[in-house]
C-alpha atoms as a PDB file:
ATOM      1  CA  MET A   1      58.635  45.737 105.299  1.00  0.00           C
ATOM      2  CA  THR A   2      58.262  44.388 101.770  1.00  0.00           C
ATOM      3  CA  THR A   3      61.086  44.923  99.352  1.00  0.00           C
ATOM      4  CA  GLN A   4      60.792  45.561  95.650  1.00  0.00           C
ATOM      5  CA  ARG A   5      63.261  45.028  92.853  1.00  0.00           C
ATOM      6  CA  TYR A   6      64.822  48.040  91.126  1.00  0.00           C
ATOM      7  CA  LEU A   7      67.108  48.374  88.148  1.00  0.00           C
ATOM      8  CA  VAL A   8      69.573  51.105  89.112  1.00  0.00           C
ATOM      9  CA  SER A   9      71.677  52.825  86.473  1.00  0.00           C
ATOM     10  CA  LEU A  10      74.799  54.789  87.323  1.00  0.00           C
ATOM     11  CA  LEU A  11      76.356  57.126  84.795  1.00  0.00           C
ATOM     12  CA  VAL A  12      79.940  57.479  85.893  1.00  0.00           C
ATOM     13  CA  GLY A  13      82.432  59.914  84.560  1.00  0.00           C
ATOM     14  CA  ARG A  14      86.019  60.826  84.965  1.00  0.00           C
ATOM     15  CA  GLU A  15      87.899  63.848  83.875  1.00  0.00           C
ATOM     16  CA  LEU A  16      90.514  63.197  81.219  1.00  0.00           C
ATOM     17  CA  THR A  17      93.075  65.907  80.530  1.00  0.00           C
ATOM     18  CA  ARG A  18      95.725  66.548  77.917  1.00  0.00           C
ATOM     19  CA  VAL A  19      97.623  69.575  76.699  1.00  0.00           C
ATOM     20  CA  VAL A  20      96.786  70.373  73.063  1.00  0.00           C
ATOM     21  CA  ASP A  21      98.443  73.100  70.997  1.00  0.00           C
ATOM     22  CA  ALA A  22      95.884  74.695  68.664  1.00  0.00           C
ATOM     23  CA  ARG A  23      94.842  78.077  67.247  1.00  0.00           C
ATOM     24  CA  THR A  24      91.443  78.139  69.005  1.00  0.00           C
ATOM     25  CA  PRO A  25      89.772  76.404  71.963  1.00  0.00           C
ATOM     26  CA  GLU A  26      87.264  74.832  69.571  1.00  0.00           C
ATOM     27  CA  LEU A  27      90.051  73.316  67.471  1.00  0.00           C
ATOM     28  CA  ALA A  28      91.760  72.029  70.632  1.00  0.00           C
ATOM     29  CA  GLU A  29      88.485  70.331  71.614  1.00  0.00           C
ATOM     30  CA  GLU A  30      88.125  68.802  68.138  1.00  0.00           C
ATOM     31  CA  ILE A  31      91.687  67.461  68.310  1.00  0.00           C
ATOM     32  CA  ALA A  32      91.101  66.022  71.780  1.00  0.00           C
ATOM     33  CA  THR A  33      87.829  64.426  70.629  1.00  0.00           C
ATOM     34  CA  PHE A  34      89.599  62.866  67.648  1.00  0.00           C
ATOM     35  CA  LEU A  35      92.410  61.517  69.838  1.00  0.00           C
ATOM     36  CA  PHE A  36      89.915  60.018  72.297  1.00  0.00           C
ATOM     37  CA  ARG A  37      87.757  58.411  69.610  1.00  0.00           C
ATOM     38  CA  GLU A  38      90.661  57.089  67.562  1.00  0.00           C
ATOM     39  CA  PHE A  39      93.121  56.091  70.275  1.00  0.00           C
ATOM     40  CA  GLY A  40      91.119  55.930  73.516  1.00  0.00           C
ATOM     41  CA  ALA A  41      91.638  57.222  77.019  1.00  0.00           C
ATOM     42  CA  LYS A  42      95.291  56.172  77.126  1.00  0.00           C
ATOM     43  CA  GLN A  43      96.104  59.436  75.316  1.00  0.00           C
ATOM     44  CA  PHE A  44      94.940  61.388  78.384  1.00  0.00           C
ATOM     45  CA  GLU A  45      95.643  61.640  82.098  1.00  0.00           C
ATOM     46  CA  ALA A  46      92.698  60.351  84.110  1.00  0.00           C
ATOM     47  CA  ASP A  47      91.226  61.739  87.297  1.00  0.00           C
ATOM     48  CA  ASP A  48      89.123  59.747  89.775  1.00  0.00           C
ATOM     49  CA  GLU A  49      85.721  58.536  88.623  1.00  0.00           C
ATOM     50  CA  ASP A  50      82.599  60.040  90.107  1.00  0.00           C
ATOM     51  CA  ILE A  51      78.863  59.451  89.799  1.00  0.00           C
ATOM     52  CA  VAL A  52      77.432  61.910  87.273  1.00  0.00           C
ATOM     53  CA  ASP A  53      73.820  60.724  87.400  1.00  0.00           C
ATOM     54  CA  ILE A  54      71.798  57.984  89.061  1.00  0.00           C
ATOM     55  CA  SER A  55      68.304  56.700  88.339  1.00  0.00           C
ATOM     56  CA  SER A  56      66.191  53.728  89.304  1.00  0.00           C
ATOM     57  CA  LYS A  57      63.225  51.930  87.792  1.00  0.00           C
ATOM     58  CA  ASP A  58      60.855  49.605  89.616  1.00  0.00           C
ATOM     59  CA  ILE A  59      61.032  46.219  87.904  1.00  0.00           C
ATOM     60  CA  SER A  60      59.094  44.293  90.532  1.00  0.00           C
ATOM     61  CA  VAL A  61      56.600  41.796  89.178  1.00  0.00           C
ATOM     62  CA  THR A  62      53.137  42.160  90.683  1.00  0.00           C
ATOM     63  CA  PRO A  63      50.397  39.582  90.278  1.00  0.00           C
ATOM     64  CA  GLU A  64      47.740  40.546  87.742  1.00  0.00           C
ATOM     65  CA  GLY A  65      44.990  42.531  89.385  1.00  0.00           C
ATOM     66  CA  GLY A  66      47.110  42.925  92.516  1.00  0.00           C
ATOM     67  CA  GLN A  67      48.182  46.092  94.190  1.00  0.00           C
END
């Protein structure tokens, strides 16, 4: 069996949580987004990482005119 070369991309994600006191859920999300962007993940408690999406692309080189 012939093998081919693939570039495989994994999008991994982890759930980050934090308690935020705010007047609305939208404002709590804005505050959490600001904290993450300005100070990073260390402001949150992290859960285990998981694969969110996976894709692959054939990057095999075939000779010109070949199949």
